[in-house]
C-alpha atoms as a PDB file:
ATOM      1  CA  MET A   1     -80.383  75.298 -54.816  1.00  0.00           C
ATOM      2  CA  ILE A   2     -77.645  75.514 -52.422  1.00  0.00           C
ATOM      3  CA  GLU A   3     -74.382  77.443 -53.628  1.00  0.00           C
ATOM      4  CA  PHE A   4     -71.023  75.774 -52.535  1.00  0.00           C
ATOM      5  CA  GLY A   5     -67.655  77.788 -53.360  1.00  0.00           C
ATOM      6  CA  ILE A   6     -64.002  78.620 -52.476  1.00  0.00           C
ATOM      7  CA  LYS A   7     -65.248  80.860 -49.829  1.00  0.00           C
ATOM      8  CA  ASP A   8     -67.113  77.840 -48.100  1.00  0.00           C
ATOM      9  CA  ILE A   9     -64.624  75.784 -48.573  1.00  0.00           C
ATOM     10  CA  ILE A  10     -62.019  78.110 -46.438  1.00  0.00           C
ATOM     11  CA  ASP A  11     -64.393  78.721 -43.900  1.00  0.00           C
ATOM     12  CA  ILE A  12     -64.812  75.233 -43.132  1.00  0.00           C
ATOM     13  CA  LEU A  13     -61.062  74.664 -43.110  1.00  0.00           C
ATOM     14  CA  LEU A  14     -60.720  77.534 -40.756  1.00  0.00           C
ATOM     15  CA  VAL A  15     -63.180  76.187 -38.356  1.00  0.00           C
ATOM     16  CA  ALA A  16     -61.585  72.526 -38.617  1.00  0.00           C
ATOM     17  CA  LEU A  17     -58.208  74.160 -37.786  1.00  0.00           C
ATOM     18  CA  LEU A  18     -59.950  76.267 -34.935  1.00  0.00           C
ATOM     19  CA  LEU A  19     -61.362  73.366 -33.428  1.00  0.00           C
ATOM     20  CA  PHE A  20     -58.458  70.900 -33.743  1.00  0.00           C
ATOM     21  CA  TYR A  21     -56.117  73.624 -32.270  1.00  0.00           C
ATOM     22  CA  LEU A  22     -58.507  73.694 -29.330  1.00  0.00           C
ATOM     23  CA  TYR A  23     -58.610  70.094 -28.883  1.00  0.00           C
ATOM     24  CA  LYS A  24     -54.708  69.928 -28.869  1.00  0.00           C
ATOM     25  CA  THR A  25     -54.597  72.584 -25.944  1.00  0.00           C
ATOM     26  CA  MET A  26     -57.269  70.858 -24.060  1.00  0.00           C
ATOM     27  CA  LYS A  27     -55.541  67.807 -24.541  1.00  0.00           C
ATOM     28  CA  LYS A  28     -52.193  69.217 -23.403  1.00  0.00           C
ATOM     29  CA  THR A  29     -54.107  70.365 -20.106  1.00  0.00           C
ATOM     30  CA  GLY A  30     -55.783  66.998 -19.988  1.00  0.00           C
ATOM     31  CA  SER A  31     -59.050  68.218 -20.579  1.00  0.00           C
ATOM     32  CA  GLY A  32     -59.684  66.621 -24.154  1.00  0.00           C
ATOM     33  CA  THR A  33     -62.425  64.378 -22.679  1.00  0.00           C
ATOM     34  CA  ILE A  34     -64.384  67.581 -21.615  1.00  0.00           C
ATOM     35  CA  PHE A  35     -63.909  68.972 -25.021  1.00  0.00           C
ATOM     36  CA  MET A  36     -65.080  66.188 -26.844  1.00  0.00           C
ATOM     37  CA  GLY A  37     -68.367  66.228 -24.450  1.00  0.00           C
ATOM     38  CA  VAL A  38     -68.589  69.931 -25.368  1.00  0.00           C
ATOM     39  CA  LEU A  39     -68.624  69.446 -29.035  1.00  0.00           C
ATOM     40  CA  SER A  40     -70.689  66.351 -29.089  1.00  0.00           C
ATOM     41  CA  PHE A  41     -73.596  68.719 -26.952  1.00  0.00           C
ATOM     42  CA  ILE A  42     -73.075  71.171 -30.064  1.00  0.00           C
ATOM     43  CA  VAL A  43     -73.793  68.657 -32.780  1.00  0.00           C
ATOM     44  CA  VAL A  44     -76.501  67.182 -30.834  1.00  0.00           C
ATOM     45  CA  TRP A  45     -77.972  70.839 -30.394  1.00  0.00           C
ATOM     46  CA  ILE A  46     -77.217  71.558 -34.597  1.00  0.00           C
ATOM     47  CA  LEU A  47     -79.019  68.286 -35.430  1.00  0.00           C
ATOM     48  CA  ALA A  48     -82.054  68.987 -32.972  1.00  0.00           C
ATOM     49  CA  SER A  49     -82.888  72.683 -33.843  1.00  0.00           C
ATOM     50  CA  GLU A  50     -81.402  73.140 -37.272  1.00  0.00           C
ATOM     51  CA  ILE A  51     -81.891  69.746 -39.171  1.00  0.00           C
ATOM     52  CA  PHE A  52     -84.870  67.895 -37.532  1.00  0.00           C
ATOM     53  CA  ASP A  53     -86.418  70.457 -36.375  1.00  0.00           C
ATOM     54  CA  MET A  54     -87.167  69.054 -33.067  1.00  0.00           C
ATOM     55  CA  ARG A  55     -88.778  72.194 -31.305  1.00  0.00           C
ATOM     56  CA  LEU A  56     -89.243  70.941 -27.602  1.00  0.00           C
ATOM     57  CA  THR A  57     -85.711  69.608 -27.472  1.00  0.00           C
ATOM     58  CA  GLY A  58     -84.321  72.650 -29.492  1.00  0.00           C
ATOM     59  CA  THR A  59     -85.679  75.077 -27.061  1.00  0.00           C
ATOM     60  CA  ILE A  60     -84.532  73.143 -24.102  1.00  0.00           C
ATOM     61  CA  LEU A  61     -80.800  72.980 -25.862  1.00  0.00           C
ATOM     62  CA  ASP A  62     -81.110  76.624 -26.650  1.00  0.00           C
ATOM     63  CA  LYS A  63     -81.714  77.766 -23.002  1.00  0.00           C
ATOM     64  CA  PHE A  64     -78.674  75.771 -22.102  1.00  0.00           C
ATOM     65  CA  MET A  65     -76.576  77.307 -25.032  1.00  0.00           C
ATOM     66  CA  SER A  66     -77.648  80.820 -23.892  1.00  0.00           C
ATOM     67  CA  ILE A  67     -75.484  80.606 -20.862  1.00  0.00           C
ATOM     68  CA  GLY A  68     -73.102  77.720 -22.313  1.00  0.00           C
ATOM     69  CA  LEU A  69     -70.176  80.766 -23.324  1.00  0.00           C
ATOM     70  CA  ILE A  70     -70.281  81.902 -19.670  1.00  0.00           C
ATOM     71  CA  VAL A  71     -70.073  78.486 -17.963  1.00  0.00           C
ATOM     72  CA  LEU A  72     -67.314  77.408 -20.534  1.00  0.00           C
ATOM     73  CA  VAL A  73     -65.482  80.629 -19.936  1.00  0.00           C
ATOM     74  CA  ILE A  74     -65.481  79.699 -16.275  1.00  0.00           C
ATOM     75  CA  LEU A  75     -64.789  75.998 -16.529  1.00  0.00           C
ATOM     76  CA  PHE A  76     -61.950  76.965 -19.263  1.00  0.00           C
ATOM     77  CA  GLN A  77     -60.367  80.147 -17.943  1.00  0.00           C
ATOM     78  CA  ASP A  78     -57.027  78.688 -17.938  1.00  0.00           C
ATOM     79  CA  GLN A  79     -57.420  76.905 -21.069  1.00  0.00           C
ATOM     80  CA  ILE A  80     -58.486  79.923 -22.903  1.00  0.00           C
ATOM     81  CA  LYS A  81     -55.890  82.135 -21.699  1.00  0.00           C
ATOM     82  CA  ARG A  82     -53.586  79.516 -22.743  1.00  0.00           C
ATOM     83  CA  PHE A  83     -54.941  79.100 -26.224  1.00  0.00           C
ATOM     84  CA  LEU A  84     -54.639  82.911 -26.633  1.00  0.00           C
ATOM     85  CA  ILE A  85     -51.017  83.085 -25.448  1.00  0.00           C
ATOM     86  CA  ASP A  86     -50.044  80.406 -27.680  1.00  0.00           C
ATOM     87  CA  LEU A  87     -51.586  82.336 -30.894  1.00  0.00           C
ATOM     88  CA  GLY A  88     -49.789  85.189 -29.757  1.00  0.00           C
ATOM     89  CA  SER A  89     -46.560  83.617 -28.762  1.00  0.00           C
ATOM     90  CA  GLN A  90     -43.256  85.018 -29.402  1.00  0.00           C
ATOM     91  CA  ASP A  91     -42.407  81.705 -30.692  1.00  0.00           C
ATOM     92  CA  LYS A  92     -44.837  82.070 -33.492  1.00  0.00           C
ATOM     93  CA  TRP A  93     -42.958  85.232 -34.898  1.00  0.00           C
ATOM     94  CA  ARG A  94     -39.508  84.363 -33.793  1.00  0.00           C
ATOM     95  CA  PHE A  95     -38.458  84.545 -37.362  1.00  0.00           C
ATOM     96  CA  LEU A  96     -39.306  88.494 -37.504  1.00  0.00           C
ATOM     97  CA  ARG A  97     -37.276  88.903 -34.264  1.00  0.00           C
ATOM     98  CA  ARG A  98     -34.159  86.915 -35.592  1.00  0.00           C
ATOM     99  CA  LEU A  99     -33.981  89.739 -38.809  1.00  0.00           C
ATOM    100  CA  PHE A 100     -33.447  92.461 -36.467  1.00  0.00           C
ATOM    101  CA  GLN A 101     -31.306  90.769 -33.455  1.00  0.00           C
ATOM    102  CA  HIS A 102     -27.733  89.623 -33.858  1.00  0.00           C
ATOM    103  CA  GLN A 103     -28.242  85.808 -33.069  1.00  0.00           C
ATOM    104  CA  ASP A 104     -24.751  85.511 -31.494  1.00  0.00           C
ATOM    105  CA  GLU A 105     -25.049  88.440 -29.130  1.00  0.00           C
ATOM    106  CA  GLU A 106     -28.567  86.787 -28.209  1.00  0.00           C
ATOM    107  CA  ARG A 107     -27.208  83.045 -27.620  1.00  0.00           C
ATOM    108  CA  LYS A 108     -24.103  84.592 -25.671  1.00  0.00           C
ATOM    109  CA  LYS A 109     -26.797  86.484 -23.475  1.00  0.00           C
ATOM    110  CA  ASN A 110     -29.044  83.182 -23.000  1.00  0.00           C
ATOM    111  CA  LEU A 111     -26.089  81.021 -21.937  1.00  0.00           C
ATOM    112  CA  ASP A 112     -24.840  83.647 -19.417  1.00  0.00           C
ATOM    113  CA  TYR A 113     -27.977  82.623 -17.259  1.00  0.00           C
ATOM    114  CA  ILE A 114     -28.760  79.056 -18.549  1.00  0.00           C
ATOM    115  CA  MET A 115     -25.289  77.599 -17.661  1.00  0.00           C
ATOM    116  CA  PRO A 116     -25.463  78.585 -13.956  1.00  0.00           C
ATOM    117  CA  VAL A 117     -28.613  76.492 -13.961  1.00  0.00           C
ATOM    118  CA  VAL A 118     -27.298  73.586 -16.047  1.00  0.00           C
ATOM    119  CA  TYR A 119     -24.132  73.387 -13.782  1.00  0.00           C
ATOM    120  CA  ALA A 120     -26.363  73.416 -10.560  1.00  0.00           C
ATOM    121  CA  CYS A 121     -28.588  70.717 -12.233  1.00  0.00           C
ATOM    122  CA  MET A 122     -25.593  68.421 -12.557  1.00  0.00           C
ATOM    123  CA  SER A 123     -24.095  68.666  -9.142  1.00  0.00           C
ATOM    124  CA  MET A 124     -27.601  68.264  -7.881  1.00  0.00           C
ATOM    125  CA  SER A 125     -27.735  65.267  -9.934  1.00  0.00           C
ATOM    126  CA  LYS A 126     -24.787  63.696  -8.528  1.00  0.00           C
ATOM    127  CA  SER A 127     -25.813  64.159  -4.982  1.00  0.00           C
ATOM    128  CA  LYS A 128     -29.560  63.321  -5.841  1.00  0.00           C
ATOM    129  CA  THR A 129     -30.701  66.520  -4.370  1.00  0.00           C
ATOM    130  CA  GLY A 130     -34.297  67.384  -5.621  1.00  0.00           C
ATOM    131  CA  ALA A 131     -34.924  70.411  -7.438  1.00  0.00           C
ATOM    132  CA  LEU A 132     -37.513  72.039  -9.344  1.00  0.00           C
ATOM    133  CA  ILE A 133     -36.721  75.144 -11.400  1.00  0.00           C
ATOM    134  CA  VAL A 134     -39.205  77.284 -13.433  1.00  0.00           C
ATOM    135  CA  PHE A 135     -38.483  79.745 -16.096  1.00  0.00           C
ATOM    136  CA  GLN A 136     -40.801  82.368 -16.960  1.00  0.00           C
ATOM    137  CA  ARG A 137     -41.503  82.971 -20.921  1.00  0.00           C
ATOM    138  CA  ASN A 138     -44.382  85.078 -21.909  1.00  0.00           C
ATOM    139  CA  VAL A 139     -47.122  84.427 -19.162  1.00  0.00           C
ATOM    140  CA  PRO A 140     -46.288  86.363 -15.832  1.00  0.00           C
ATOM    141  CA  LEU A 141     -45.989  84.154 -12.919  1.00  0.00           C
ATOM    142  CA  MET A 142     -46.707  86.842 -10.093  1.00  0.00           C
ATOM    143  CA  ASP A 143     -49.194  85.013  -8.549  1.00  0.00           C
ATOM    144  CA  TYR A 144     -47.326  81.767  -8.409  1.00  0.00           C
ATOM    145  CA  GLU A 145     -43.954  84.001  -7.186  1.00  0.00           C
ATOM    146  CA  LYS A 146     -46.194  85.170  -4.390  1.00  0.00           C
ATOM    147  CA  THR A 147     -46.619  81.836  -2.742  1.00  0.00           C
ATOM    148  CA  GLY A 148     -43.018  81.742  -2.210  1.00  0.00           C
ATOM    149  CA  ASP A 149     -40.209  83.838  -0.658  1.00  0.00           C
ATOM    150  CA  ILE A 150     -38.862  86.779  -2.836  1.00  0.00           C
ATOM    151  CA  ILE A 151     -35.355  86.230  -3.530  1.00  0.00           C
ATOM    152  CA  ASP A 152     -34.844  88.840  -6.916  1.00  0.00           C
ATOM    153  CA  ALA A 153     -31.083  87.791  -7.034  1.00  0.00           C
ATOM    154  CA  ASN A 154     -28.579  87.332 -10.136  1.00  0.00           C
ATOM    155  CA  ILE A 155     -28.154  83.714 -11.096  1.00  0.00           C
ATOM    156  CA  ASN A 156     -25.812  81.932  -9.436  1.00  0.00           C
ATOM    157  CA  THR A 157     -24.664  77.978  -9.421  1.00  0.00           C
ATOM    158  CA  ARG A 158     -23.741  77.944  -5.388  1.00  0.00           C
ATOM    159  CA  LEU A 159     -26.916  80.104  -4.730  1.00  0.00           C
ATOM    160  CA  ILE A 160     -29.210  77.387  -6.558  1.00  0.00           C
ATOM    161  CA  GLU A 161     -27.555  74.470  -4.987  1.00  0.00           C
ATOM    162  CA  ASN A 162     -27.861  76.207  -1.220  1.00  0.00           C
ATOM    163  CA  ILE A 163     -31.480  76.720  -1.733  1.00  0.00           C
ATOM    164  CA  PHE A 164     -32.069  73.231  -2.649  1.00  0.00           C
ATOM    165  CA  PHE A 165     -30.213  71.974  -0.149  1.00  0.00           C
ATOM    166  CA  LYS A 166     -31.947  69.347   1.929  1.00  0.00           C
ATOM    167  CA  ASN A 167     -31.846  70.969   5.369  1.00  0.00           C
ATOM    168  CA  SER A 168     -32.963  74.636   3.217  1.00  0.00           C
ATOM    169  CA  PRO A 169     -36.420  76.003   4.553  1.00  0.00           C
ATOM    170  CA  LEU A 170     -36.879  76.221   0.939  1.00  0.00           C
ATOM    171  CA  HIS A 171     -35.732  73.348  -0.944  1.00  0.00           C
ATOM    172  CA  ASP A 172     -39.187  71.531  -1.130  1.00  0.00           C
ATOM    173  CA  GLY A 173     -40.791  74.253  -3.398  1.00  0.00           C
ATOM    174  CA  ALA A 174     -40.011  75.669  -6.849  1.00  0.00           C
ATOM    175  CA  MET A 175     -37.558  78.303  -7.702  1.00  0.00           C
ATOM    176  CA  ILE A 176     -39.044  80.622 -10.459  1.00  0.00           C
ATOM    177  CA  ILE A 177     -36.667  82.618 -12.701  1.00  0.00           C
ATOM    178  CA  SER A 178     -38.091  85.617 -14.212  1.00  0.00           C
ATOM    179  CA  ARG A 179     -36.034  88.364 -16.493  1.00  0.00           C
ATOM    180  CA  ARG A 180     -33.146  86.432 -16.231  1.00  0.00           C
ATOM    181  CA  ARG A 181     -33.033  86.582 -12.253  1.00  0.00           C
ATOM    182  CA  ILE A 182     -33.779  84.337  -9.352  1.00  0.00           C
ATOM    183  CA  ALA A 183     -37.319  85.935  -8.538  1.00  0.00           C
ATOM    184  CA  SER A 184     -38.497  83.643  -6.015  1.00  0.00           C
ATOM    185  CA  ALA A 185     -38.095  80.255  -4.278  1.00  0.00           C
ATOM    186  CA  GLY A 186     -39.957  77.745  -2.069  1.00  0.00           C
ATOM    187  CA  CYS A 187     -43.210  78.485  -4.399  1.00  0.00           C
ATOM    188  CA  ILE A 188     -46.487  76.429  -4.696  1.00  0.00           C
ATOM    189  CA  LEU A 189     -47.056  74.919  -8.422  1.00  0.00           C
ATOM    190  CA  PRO A 190     -50.421  73.775  -9.551  1.00  0.00           C
ATOM    191  CA  VAL A 191     -50.271  69.921  -9.862  1.00  0.00           C
ATOM    192  CA  SER A 192     -50.868  67.810 -12.999  1.00  0.00           C
ATOM    193  CA  HIS A 193     -53.746  65.466 -12.602  1.00  0.00           C
ATOM    194  CA  ASP A 194     -52.967  63.394 -15.918  1.00  0.00           C
ATOM    195  CA  MET A 195     -53.401  59.509 -15.454  1.00  0.00           C
ATOM    196  CA  HIS A 196     -50.520  59.245 -17.868  1.00  0.00           C
ATOM    197  CA  ILE A 197     -47.883  60.035 -15.789  1.00  0.00           C
ATOM    198  CA  PRO A 198     -45.510  57.136 -15.116  1.00  0.00           C
ATOM    199  CA  LYS A 199     -45.987  56.099 -11.404  1.00  0.00           C
ATOM    200  CA  GLU A 200     -42.214  56.260 -10.552  1.00  0.00           C
ATOM    201  CA  LEU A 201     -42.355  60.306 -11.066  1.00  0.00           C
ATOM    202  CA  GLY A 202     -42.806  62.086  -7.786  1.00  0.00           C
ATOM    203  CA  LEU A 203     -44.820  65.291  -6.969  1.00  0.00           C
ATOM    204  CA  ARG A 204     -42.011  67.353  -8.293  1.00  0.00           C
ATOM    205  CA  HIS A 205     -42.770  65.960 -11.900  1.00  0.00           C
ATOM    206  CA  ARG A 206     -46.522  66.309 -11.638  1.00  0.00           C
ATOM    207  CA  ALA A 207     -46.222  69.920 -10.344  1.00  0.00           C
ATOM    208  CA  ALA A 208     -43.857  70.896 -13.432  1.00  0.00           C
ATOM    209  CA  LEU A 209     -46.095  68.867 -15.367  1.00  0.00           C
ATOM    210  CA  GLY A 210     -49.402  70.923 -14.002  1.00  0.00           C
ATOM    211  CA  MET A 211     -47.343  74.357 -14.593  1.00  0.00           C
ATOM    212  CA  SER A 212     -46.320  73.816 -18.218  1.00  0.00           C
ATOM    213  CA  GLN A 213     -50.203  72.842 -18.922  1.00  0.00           C
ATOM    214  CA  VAL A 214     -51.571  76.262 -17.327  1.00  0.00           C
ATOM    215  CA  THR A 215     -48.673  78.641 -18.601  1.00  0.00           C
ATOM    216  CA  ASP A 216     -46.050  78.533 -21.387  1.00  0.00           C
ATOM    217  CA  ALA A 217     -43.254  78.399 -18.467  1.00  0.00           C
ATOM    218  CA  ILE A 218     -40.371  75.962 -18.873  1.00  0.00           C
ATOM    219  CA  CYS A 219     -39.700  73.350 -15.719  1.00  0.00           C
ATOM    220  CA  VAL A 220     -36.545  71.651 -14.756  1.00  0.00           C
ATOM    221  CA  ILE A 221     -36.669  68.777 -12.289  1.00  0.00           C
ATOM    222  CA  VAL A 222     -33.689  67.094 -10.622  1.00  0.00           C
ATOM    223  CA  SER A 223     -35.210  63.603  -8.901  1.00  0.00           C
ATOM    224  CA  GLU A 224     -34.484  63.272  -5.491  1.00  0.00           C
ATOM    225  CA  GLU A 225     -34.704  59.436  -6.026  1.00  0.00           C
ATOM    226  CA  THR A 226     -32.829  58.947  -9.049  1.00  0.00           C
ATOM    227  CA  GLY A 227     -30.578  62.151  -9.687  1.00  0.00           C
ATOM    228  CA  HIS A 228     -32.227  62.252 -13.033  1.00  0.00           C
ATOM    229  CA  ILE A 229     -32.956  65.558 -14.699  1.00  0.00           C
ATOM    230  CA  SER A 230     -36.335  66.181 -16.729  1.00  0.00           C
ATOM    231  CA  MET A 231     -37.981  68.883 -18.461  1.00  0.00           C
ATOM    232  CA  ALA A 232     -41.608  69.598 -18.658  1.00  0.00           C
ATOM    233  CA  ARG A 233     -42.888  71.915 -21.740  1.00  0.00           C
ATOM    234  CA  ASP A 234     -46.116  72.584 -23.038  1.00  0.00           C
ATOM    235  CA  GLY A 235     -47.730  69.773 -21.263  1.00  0.00           C
ATOM    236  CA  SER A 236     -45.322  67.168 -22.252  1.00  0.00           C
ATOM    237  CA  LEU A 237     -42.054  65.681 -20.088  1.00  0.00           C
ATOM    238  CA  LYS A 238     -38.590  65.116 -21.518  1.00  0.00           C
ATOM    239  CA  VAL A 239     -36.786  62.506 -18.872  1.00  0.00           C
ATOM    240  CA  ARG A 240     -33.392  61.708 -18.220  1.00  0.00           C
ATOM    241  CA  LEU A 241     -31.597  64.821 -20.043  1.00  0.00           C
ATOM    242  CA  SER A 242     -28.135  64.911 -20.001  1.00  0.00           C
ATOM    243  CA  ALA A 243     -26.173  68.047 -19.274  1.00  0.00           C
ATOM    244  CA  PRO A 244     -25.466  68.858 -23.059  1.00  0.00           C
ATOM    245  CA  ASP A 245     -29.431  67.862 -23.877  1.00  0.00           C
ATOM    246  CA  LEU A 246     -30.585  70.386 -20.996  1.00  0.00           C
ATOM    247  CA  GLU A 247     -28.262  73.049 -22.285  1.00  0.00           C
ATOM    248  CA  HIS A 248     -29.627  72.780 -25.687  1.00  0.00           C
ATOM    249  CA  ALA A 249     -33.178  72.251 -24.914  1.00  0.00           C
ATOM    250  CA  LEU A 250     -33.403  75.483 -22.535  1.00  0.00           C
ATOM    251  CA  SER A 251     -31.104  77.772 -25.169  1.00  0.00           C
ATOM    252  CA  ALA A 252     -33.918  76.340 -27.771  1.00  0.00           C
ATOM    253  CA  ALA A 253     -36.893  77.315 -25.580  1.00  0.00           C
ATOM    254  CA  LEU A 254     -35.677  80.386 -24.310  1.00  0.00           C
ATOM    255  CA  ASP A 255     -34.105  81.815 -27.414  1.00  0.00           C
END
């Protein structure tokens, strides 16, 4: 007789939560279909090997499963890194940090480097100057910084506008803000291949979405065609943000 107790229920719930969280992470990066395929393969393997005791099929699938972990790590290295980062993200433990920090002081520090970006985006929105600004959070972006020109300057509204001015050699790439400084500009970002992105959104939006899928960075986009301001975070895109919306969203995300 099979015993089934509270410990088994907790075990099943933990596995279900883990699978759900993995699926959510994969879906953000556009790999949800692949995840479901892998999950289906595992179910078939369990049925063949454990339930129906199909020796030949089970043996063949066992061989695949023996190297499957290595293959999965290679295929999903970005997603696995993102999953682990999400687990240890400061967002999850923010309430502990707030116990030991003065909220007003922290908010003032954030506004000191957020507002120049907001003002620059407002100005570029009016002139329909395209821009892509990336805020580093927990994931280091040094590999992406190296694809552009190192700036290492204080955040300044005029400087941001000049970098994205249409005749500037750096205006086509992304600007990366790290440790409350402009780290580099003219950077190349990974482009999202999500088929659900509206066709009217251009390459800047796809690059911002792609960056938010493989890292936890916050990406702000100013459209060159419409002047609309958008923000990408955690694999999702918010479009047509007003200046107060942008300031509030950045303050909340970078708190």
